[in-house]
Amino acid sequence: FAGAGDGFFDLNAQEGQAPYKTPEEIQAELDRIVEEGMFNISIASVIQFDDGAAPGKAYIENVPGNRYLMQVSIVLDDTSETVYETKAIKPGQYIEDITLSKDIDQGAYPATATFTALDQESHEEVGKAAAKVTLNVMG
């Protein structure tokens, strides 16, 4: 993963901020001063899938105030299995829809989304932050 090149950046990342945010939330992030070494993470707390192979809206976002690239992985809490991974996402980009790497059965799955911050020049890891999420598979 450490290498640069064509496969480093996530092709699913869109420019802008996740569309569910209010103008006030967007402005608050733009006004926020992010200190050196600090970063913010943003992902939907519940990601719903029609079935285990269908896409779900995750709104994985690297907010514009961040100084780092982000790489995100989602791991099921009960099995420690990685069910989704992004490539690098630039500040000011987001990934709306994700498809799990494995078709999982119907149910609600507690999971952890780990954001790995990468230096924009060297692509070296500079820190991690995690958020609890729930994967809801409907059918």
N, C-alpha and C. Protein backbone atom coordinates (compact mmCIF):
# COMPACT_ATOMS: atom_id res chain seq x y z
N PHE A 1 0.82 -1.21 0.00
CA PHE A 1 0.00 0.00 0.00
C PHE A 1 0.85 1.25 0.00
N ALA A 2 2.07 1.18 0.46
CA ALA A 2 2.89 2.38 0.66
C ALA A 2 3.31 3.04 -0.64
N GLY A 3 3.29 2.31 -1.75
CA GLY A 3 3.77 2.89 -3.00
C GLY A 3 2.82 3.92 -3.57
N ALA A 4 3.37 4.89 -4.28
CA ALA A 4 2.55 5.88 -4.97
C ALA A 4 2.17 5.32 -6.34
N GLY A 5 1.72 6.19 -7.23
CA GLY A 5 1.40 5.73 -8.57
C GLY A 5 -0.09 5.75 -8.82
N ASP A 6 -0.47 5.23 -9.96
CA ASP A 6 -1.86 5.31 -10.40
C ASP A 6 -2.84 4.65 -9.43
N GLY A 7 -2.43 3.59 -8.75
CA GLY A 7 -3.34 2.87 -7.88
C GLY A 7 -3.42 3.41 -6.47
N PHE A 8 -2.78 4.54 -6.17
CA PHE A 8 -2.73 5.01 -4.79
C PHE A 8 -4.00 5.73 -4.38
N PHE A 9 -4.56 6.58 -5.24
CA PHE A 9 -5.73 7.37 -4.86
C PHE A 9 -7.01 6.63 -5.20
N ASP A 10 -8.03 6.80 -4.35
CA ASP A 10 -9.30 6.11 -4.53
C ASP A 10 -10.08 6.76 -5.65
N LEU A 11 -10.42 5.98 -6.67
CA LEU A 11 -11.12 6.51 -7.84
C LEU A 11 -12.60 6.78 -7.55
N ASN A 12 -13.12 6.27 -6.42
CA ASN A 12 -14.52 6.52 -6.06
C ASN A 12 -14.71 7.82 -5.31
N ALA A 13 -13.62 8.48 -4.92
CA ALA A 13 -13.72 9.72 -4.15
C ALA A 13 -14.23 10.84 -5.05
N GLN A 14 -15.19 11.60 -4.54
CA GLN A 14 -15.76 12.74 -5.25
C GLN A 14 -15.26 14.03 -4.61
N GLU A 15 -15.15 15.08 -5.42
CA GLU A 15 -14.77 16.38 -4.87
C GLU A 15 -15.95 16.95 -4.07
N GLY A 16 -15.64 17.66 -3.00
CA GLY A 16 -16.68 18.32 -2.22
C GLY A 16 -16.91 17.64 -0.89
N GLN A 17 -17.95 18.10 -0.21
CA GLN A 17 -18.29 17.53 1.08
C GLN A 17 -19.54 16.67 0.94
N ALA A 18 -19.67 15.72 1.86
CA ALA A 18 -20.80 14.80 1.81
C ALA A 18 -22.12 15.58 1.80
N PRO A 19 -23.05 15.22 0.91
CA PRO A 19 -24.23 16.04 0.65
C PRO A 19 -25.27 16.09 1.77
N TYR A 20 -25.16 15.24 2.78
CA TYR A 20 -26.16 15.28 3.86
C TYR A 20 -25.91 16.43 4.83
N LYS A 21 -24.80 17.13 4.72
CA LYS A 21 -24.46 18.18 5.68
C LYS A 21 -25.24 19.46 5.42
N THR A 22 -25.57 20.15 6.51
CA THR A 22 -26.24 21.44 6.38
C THR A 22 -25.19 22.50 6.02
N PRO A 23 -25.63 23.63 5.46
CA PRO A 23 -24.67 24.72 5.17
C PRO A 23 -23.90 25.16 6.42
N GLU A 24 -24.57 25.11 7.58
CA GLU A 24 -23.91 25.51 8.83
C GLU A 24 -22.79 24.54 9.19
N GLU A 25 -23.05 23.22 9.01
CA GLU A 25 -22.03 22.22 9.31
C GLU A 25 -20.83 22.37 8.38
N ILE A 26 -21.10 22.63 7.10
CA ILE A 26 -20.02 22.81 6.14
C ILE A 26 -19.18 24.03 6.51
N GLN A 27 -19.86 25.13 6.84
CA GLN A 27 -19.13 26.35 7.19
C GLN A 27 -18.32 26.16 8.46
N ALA A 28 -18.87 25.43 9.44
CA ALA A 28 -18.15 25.20 10.69
C ALA A 28 -16.85 24.44 10.42
N GLU A 29 -16.89 23.47 9.50
CA GLU A 29 -15.66 22.74 9.18
C GLU A 29 -14.67 23.62 8.44
N LEU A 30 -15.19 24.45 7.54
CA LEU A 30 -14.30 25.34 6.79
C LEU A 30 -13.64 26.36 7.72
N ASP A 31 -14.37 26.77 8.77
CA ASP A 31 -13.84 27.76 9.72
C ASP A 31 -12.89 27.15 10.73
N ARG A 32 -12.94 25.84 10.90
CA ARG A 32 -12.15 25.17 11.92
C ARG A 32 -10.67 25.25 11.55
N ILE A 33 -9.86 25.58 12.52
CA ILE A 33 -8.42 25.58 12.31
C ILE A 33 -7.89 24.25 12.83
N VAL A 34 -7.34 23.48 11.92
CA VAL A 34 -6.83 22.17 12.30
C VAL A 34 -5.35 22.31 12.65
N GLU A 35 -5.01 21.93 13.87
CA GLU A 35 -3.63 22.04 14.32
C GLU A 35 -2.75 20.99 13.65
N GLU A 36 -1.48 21.30 13.59
CA GLU A 36 -0.51 20.33 13.06
C GLU A 36 -0.64 19.03 13.84
N GLY A 37 -0.71 17.92 13.13
CA GLY A 37 -0.80 16.62 13.79
C GLY A 37 -2.21 16.20 14.17
N MET A 38 -3.17 17.07 13.98
CA MET A 38 -4.56 16.74 14.31
C MET A 38 -5.35 16.55 13.03
N PHE A 39 -6.40 15.72 13.09
CA PHE A 39 -7.26 15.59 11.92
C PHE A 39 -8.66 15.18 12.39
N ASN A 40 -9.62 15.38 11.52
CA ASN A 40 -11.01 15.04 11.81
C ASN A 40 -11.45 13.91 10.90
N ILE A 41 -12.37 13.08 11.42
CA ILE A 41 -12.90 11.98 10.63
C ILE A 41 -14.40 12.14 10.49
N SER A 42 -14.94 11.63 9.39
CA SER A 42 -16.37 11.74 9.14
C SER A 42 -16.85 10.52 8.36
N ILE A 43 -17.85 9.82 8.94
CA ILE A 43 -18.45 8.65 8.30
C ILE A 43 -19.85 8.50 8.88
N ALA A 44 -20.77 7.94 8.09
CA ALA A 44 -22.11 7.67 8.60
C ALA A 44 -22.02 6.67 9.75
N SER A 45 -22.82 6.87 10.80
CA SER A 45 -22.75 5.96 11.95
C SER A 45 -23.49 4.65 11.67
N VAL A 46 -24.46 4.69 10.74
CA VAL A 46 -25.17 3.48 10.31
C VAL A 46 -25.10 3.44 8.79
N ILE A 47 -24.63 2.33 8.26
CA ILE A 47 -24.54 2.15 6.81
C ILE A 47 -25.48 1.02 6.44
N GLN A 48 -26.48 1.33 5.61
CA GLN A 48 -27.52 0.35 5.28
C GLN A 48 -27.30 -0.21 3.89
N PHE A 49 -27.42 -1.54 3.78
CA PHE A 49 -27.28 -2.26 2.52
C PHE A 49 -28.57 -3.03 2.25
N ASP A 50 -29.08 -2.98 1.02
CA ASP A 50 -30.29 -3.75 0.68
C ASP A 50 -30.05 -5.24 0.85
N ASP A 51 -28.85 -5.69 0.49
CA ASP A 51 -28.41 -7.05 0.76
C ASP A 51 -26.89 -7.01 0.88
N GLY A 52 -26.29 -8.15 1.19
CA GLY A 52 -24.85 -8.18 1.47
C GLY A 52 -23.96 -7.83 0.30
N ALA A 53 -24.51 -7.85 -0.93
CA ALA A 53 -23.71 -7.55 -2.12
C ALA A 53 -24.05 -6.18 -2.70
N ALA A 54 -25.04 -5.49 -2.12
CA ALA A 54 -25.49 -4.19 -2.65
C ALA A 54 -24.68 -3.06 -2.04
N PRO A 55 -24.59 -1.92 -2.75
CA PRO A 55 -23.88 -0.78 -2.17
C PRO A 55 -24.68 -0.13 -1.04
N GLY A 56 -23.97 0.54 -0.14
CA GLY A 56 -24.60 1.29 0.95
C GLY A 56 -23.98 2.66 1.05
N LYS A 57 -24.73 3.63 1.56
CA LYS A 57 -24.25 5.01 1.68
C LYS A 57 -23.44 5.16 2.97
N ALA A 58 -22.12 5.36 2.81
CA ALA A 58 -21.23 5.45 3.96
C ALA A 58 -20.77 6.88 4.23
N TYR A 59 -20.73 7.71 3.18
CA TYR A 59 -20.26 9.09 3.32
C TYR A 59 -18.92 9.16 4.06
N ILE A 60 -17.97 8.36 3.60
CA ILE A 60 -16.61 8.44 4.15
C ILE A 60 -15.99 9.72 3.62
N GLU A 61 -15.57 10.60 4.52
CA GLU A 61 -15.13 11.92 4.09
C GLU A 61 -13.77 12.29 4.67
N ASN A 62 -12.94 12.88 3.84
CA ASN A 62 -11.73 13.53 4.31
C ASN A 62 -12.06 15.02 4.24
N VAL A 63 -12.40 15.60 5.39
CA VAL A 63 -12.92 16.97 5.43
C VAL A 63 -11.86 17.96 4.95
N PRO A 64 -12.30 19.09 4.35
CA PRO A 64 -11.35 20.03 3.74
C PRO A 64 -10.28 20.57 4.69
N GLY A 65 -10.56 20.66 5.98
CA GLY A 65 -9.58 21.21 6.91
C GLY A 65 -8.44 20.27 7.25
N ASN A 66 -8.55 19.00 6.88
CA ASN A 66 -7.48 18.05 7.19
C ASN A 66 -6.22 18.33 6.37
N ARG A 67 -5.08 18.06 6.98
CA ARG A 67 -3.80 18.27 6.31
C ARG A 67 -3.30 16.98 5.67
N TYR A 68 -4.00 15.86 5.88
CA TYR A 68 -3.48 14.56 5.50
C TYR A 68 -4.40 13.85 4.52
N LEU A 69 -3.82 12.91 3.78
CA LEU A 69 -4.60 11.95 3.02
C LEU A 69 -5.21 10.97 4.02
N MET A 70 -6.34 10.36 3.68
CA MET A 70 -6.94 9.36 4.55
C MET A 70 -7.12 8.05 3.80
N GLN A 71 -6.86 6.96 4.51
CA GLN A 71 -7.17 5.62 4.02
C GLN A 71 -8.05 5.01 5.10
N VAL A 72 -9.18 4.43 4.70
CA VAL A 72 -10.17 3.96 5.67
C VAL A 72 -10.42 2.47 5.49
N SER A 73 -10.47 1.76 6.61
CA SER A 73 -10.85 0.34 6.57
C SER A 73 -11.99 0.13 7.56
N ILE A 74 -12.91 -0.76 7.20
CA ILE A 74 -14.03 -1.12 8.08
C ILE A 74 -13.88 -2.59 8.44
N VAL A 75 -13.85 -2.85 9.76
CA VAL A 75 -13.61 -4.19 10.28
C VAL A 75 -14.79 -4.60 11.16
N LEU A 76 -15.30 -5.81 10.96
CA LEU A 76 -16.38 -6.32 11.82
C LEU A 76 -15.82 -6.55 13.22
N ASP A 77 -16.56 -6.06 14.23
CA ASP A 77 -16.07 -6.17 15.61
C ASP A 77 -16.00 -7.61 16.09
N ASP A 78 -16.97 -8.46 15.69
CA ASP A 78 -17.01 -9.81 16.26
C ASP A 78 -15.99 -10.77 15.63
N THR A 79 -15.62 -10.56 14.36
CA THR A 79 -14.71 -11.50 13.70
C THR A 79 -13.36 -10.86 13.35
N SER A 80 -13.23 -9.56 13.52
CA SER A 80 -12.02 -8.81 13.14
C SER A 80 -11.72 -8.90 11.64
N GLU A 81 -12.76 -9.21 10.87
CA GLU A 81 -12.60 -9.34 9.42
C GLU A 81 -12.76 -7.97 8.75
N THR A 82 -11.82 -7.62 7.87
CA THR A 82 -11.92 -6.38 7.10
C THR A 82 -12.91 -6.60 5.96
N VAL A 83 -13.98 -5.78 5.93
CA VAL A 83 -15.01 -5.95 4.90
C VAL A 83 -15.04 -4.80 3.90
N TYR A 84 -14.21 -3.76 4.14
CA TYR A 84 -14.11 -2.66 3.17
C TYR A 84 -12.82 -1.89 3.41
N GLU A 85 -12.18 -1.48 2.32
CA GLU A 85 -10.98 -0.64 2.42
C GLU A 85 -10.99 0.36 1.27
N THR A 86 -10.63 1.59 1.59
CA THR A 86 -10.43 2.59 0.54
C THR A 86 -8.96 2.62 0.18
N LYS A 87 -8.67 3.29 -0.91
CA LYS A 87 -7.31 3.73 -1.18
C LYS A 87 -7.25 5.14 -0.60
N ALA A 88 -6.24 5.92 -0.94
CA ALA A 88 -6.08 7.26 -0.35
C ALA A 88 -7.17 8.22 -0.85
N ILE A 89 -7.68 9.02 0.09
CA ILE A 89 -8.68 10.04 -0.20
C ILE A 89 -8.05 11.39 0.16
N LYS A 90 -8.11 12.34 -0.76
CA LYS A 90 -7.52 13.66 -0.53
C LYS A 90 -8.44 14.50 0.35
N PRO A 91 -7.90 15.50 1.07
CA PRO A 91 -8.76 16.43 1.79
C PRO A 91 -9.75 17.09 0.81
N GLY A 92 -11.00 17.22 1.25
CA GLY A 92 -12.02 17.81 0.40
C GLY A 92 -12.67 16.81 -0.54
N GLN A 93 -12.46 15.50 -0.30
CA GLN A 93 -13.12 14.47 -1.09
C GLN A 93 -13.91 13.55 -0.16
N TYR A 94 -14.89 12.85 -0.74
CA TYR A 94 -15.66 11.88 0.04
C TYR A 94 -16.04 10.71 -0.86
N ILE A 95 -16.36 9.59 -0.24
CA ILE A 95 -16.87 8.42 -0.93
C ILE A 95 -18.27 8.19 -0.40
N GLU A 96 -19.26 8.28 -1.30
CA GLU A 96 -20.65 8.18 -0.88
C GLU A 96 -21.07 6.72 -0.70
N ASP A 97 -20.94 5.92 -1.75
CA ASP A 97 -21.40 4.52 -1.73
C ASP A 97 -20.23 3.56 -1.61
N ILE A 98 -20.40 2.54 -0.77
CA ILE A 98 -19.40 1.49 -0.66
C ILE A 98 -20.07 0.15 -0.89
N THR A 99 -19.31 -0.81 -1.36
CA THR A 99 -19.77 -2.19 -1.50
C THR A 99 -18.81 -3.06 -0.70
N LEU A 100 -19.36 -3.90 0.15
CA LEU A 100 -18.53 -4.74 1.01
C LEU A 100 -17.72 -5.73 0.17
N SER A 101 -16.54 -6.08 0.65
CA SER A 101 -15.68 -7.00 -0.07
C SER A 101 -16.17 -8.44 0.06
N LYS A 102 -17.17 -8.66 0.91
CA LYS A 102 -17.71 -9.99 1.15
C LYS A 102 -19.21 -9.86 1.31
N ASP A 103 -19.96 -10.76 0.72
CA ASP A 103 -21.42 -10.78 0.85
C ASP A 103 -21.75 -11.33 2.24
N ILE A 104 -22.28 -10.47 3.13
CA ILE A 104 -22.60 -10.94 4.48
C ILE A 104 -24.11 -11.10 4.63
N ASP A 105 -24.50 -11.97 5.54
CA ASP A 105 -25.91 -12.30 5.74
C ASP A 105 -26.68 -11.13 6.35
N GLN A 106 -28.00 -11.23 6.25
CA GLN A 106 -28.89 -10.23 6.82
C GLN A 106 -28.60 -10.06 8.31
N GLY A 107 -28.66 -8.81 8.78
CA GLY A 107 -28.45 -8.55 10.19
C GLY A 107 -27.77 -7.21 10.42
N ALA A 108 -27.60 -6.87 11.69
CA ALA A 108 -26.90 -5.64 12.08
C ALA A 108 -25.54 -6.05 12.64
N TYR A 109 -24.49 -5.46 12.08
CA TYR A 109 -23.12 -5.83 12.44
C TYR A 109 -22.39 -4.63 13.03
N PRO A 110 -22.01 -4.70 14.32
CA PRO A 110 -21.16 -3.65 14.86
C PRO A 110 -19.78 -3.74 14.20
N ALA A 111 -19.25 -2.59 13.83
CA ALA A 111 -17.97 -2.56 13.13
C ALA A 111 -17.19 -1.31 13.55
N THR A 112 -15.93 -1.29 13.19
CA THR A 112 -15.07 -0.15 13.48
C THR A 112 -14.46 0.34 12.17
N ALA A 113 -14.63 1.64 11.91
CA ALA A 113 -14.00 2.28 10.76
C ALA A 113 -12.73 2.96 11.25
N THR A 114 -11.59 2.53 10.75
CA THR A 114 -10.31 3.11 11.14
C THR A 114 -9.80 4.00 10.01
N PHE A 115 -9.57 5.26 10.35
CA PHE A 115 -9.02 6.24 9.43
C PHE A 115 -7.53 6.32 9.69
N THR A 116 -6.73 6.06 8.67
CA THR A 116 -5.28 6.18 8.78
C THR A 116 -4.87 7.44 8.04
N ALA A 117 -4.25 8.37 8.76
CA ALA A 117 -3.79 9.63 8.15
C ALA A 117 -2.41 9.40 7.55
N LEU A 118 -2.25 9.87 6.31
CA LEU A 118 -1.00 9.70 5.58
C LEU A 118 -0.46 11.07 5.18
N ASP A 119 0.85 11.25 5.33
CA ASP A 119 1.49 12.49 4.89
C ASP A 119 1.27 12.65 3.38
N GLN A 120 0.90 13.87 2.96
CA GLN A 120 0.57 14.09 1.55
C GLN A 120 1.77 13.93 0.63
N GLU A 121 2.98 14.14 1.15
CA GLU A 121 4.18 14.03 0.30
C GLU A 121 4.77 12.63 0.35
N SER A 122 5.06 12.15 1.55
CA SER A 122 5.78 10.87 1.69
C SER A 122 4.83 9.67 1.70
N HIS A 123 3.54 9.90 1.96
CA HIS A 123 2.52 8.86 2.10
C HIS A 123 2.79 7.96 3.31
N GLU A 124 3.62 8.44 4.25
CA GLU A 124 3.88 7.69 5.48
C GLU A 124 2.74 7.92 6.47
N GLU A 125 2.46 6.89 7.27
CA GLU A 125 1.40 6.98 8.27
C GLU A 125 1.78 7.98 9.36
N VAL A 126 0.84 8.89 9.70
CA VAL A 126 1.11 9.86 10.76
C VAL A 126 0.15 9.71 11.94
N GLY A 127 -0.86 8.87 11.81
CA GLY A 127 -1.77 8.67 12.93
C GLY A 127 -3.01 7.91 12.50
N LYS A 128 -3.79 7.49 13.50
CA LYS A 128 -5.03 6.76 13.24
C LYS A 128 -6.11 7.26 14.17
N ALA A 129 -7.35 7.14 13.71
CA ALA A 129 -8.51 7.41 14.55
C ALA A 129 -9.60 6.43 14.13
N ALA A 130 -10.44 6.06 15.07
CA ALA A 130 -11.47 5.05 14.78
C ALA A 130 -12.84 5.57 15.17
N ALA A 131 -13.85 5.08 14.46
CA ALA A 131 -15.24 5.40 14.76
C ALA A 131 -16.05 4.12 14.72
N LYS A 132 -16.97 3.99 15.68
CA LYS A 132 -17.88 2.83 15.69
C LYS A 132 -18.99 3.07 14.67
N VAL A 133 -19.26 2.05 13.88
CA VAL A 133 -20.35 2.12 12.90
C VAL A 133 -21.16 0.83 12.99
N THR A 134 -22.36 0.86 12.42
CA THR A 134 -23.19 -0.33 12.34
C THR A 134 -23.49 -0.58 10.87
N LEU A 135 -23.25 -1.82 10.42
CA LEU A 135 -23.59 -2.22 9.06
C LEU A 135 -24.92 -2.95 9.13
N ASN A 136 -25.96 -2.38 8.52
CA ASN A 136 -27.29 -2.98 8.51
C ASN A 136 -27.53 -3.62 7.15
N VAL A 137 -27.56 -4.96 7.13
CA VAL A 137 -27.84 -5.69 5.88
C VAL A 137 -29.31 -6.11 5.94
N MET A 138 -30.09 -5.60 4.99
CA MET A 138 -31.56 -5.75 5.06
C MET A 138 -32.05 -7.11 4.55
N GLY A 139 -31.37 -7.68 3.59
CA GLY A 139 -31.91 -8.94 3.03
C GLY A 139 -30.84 -9.87 2.57
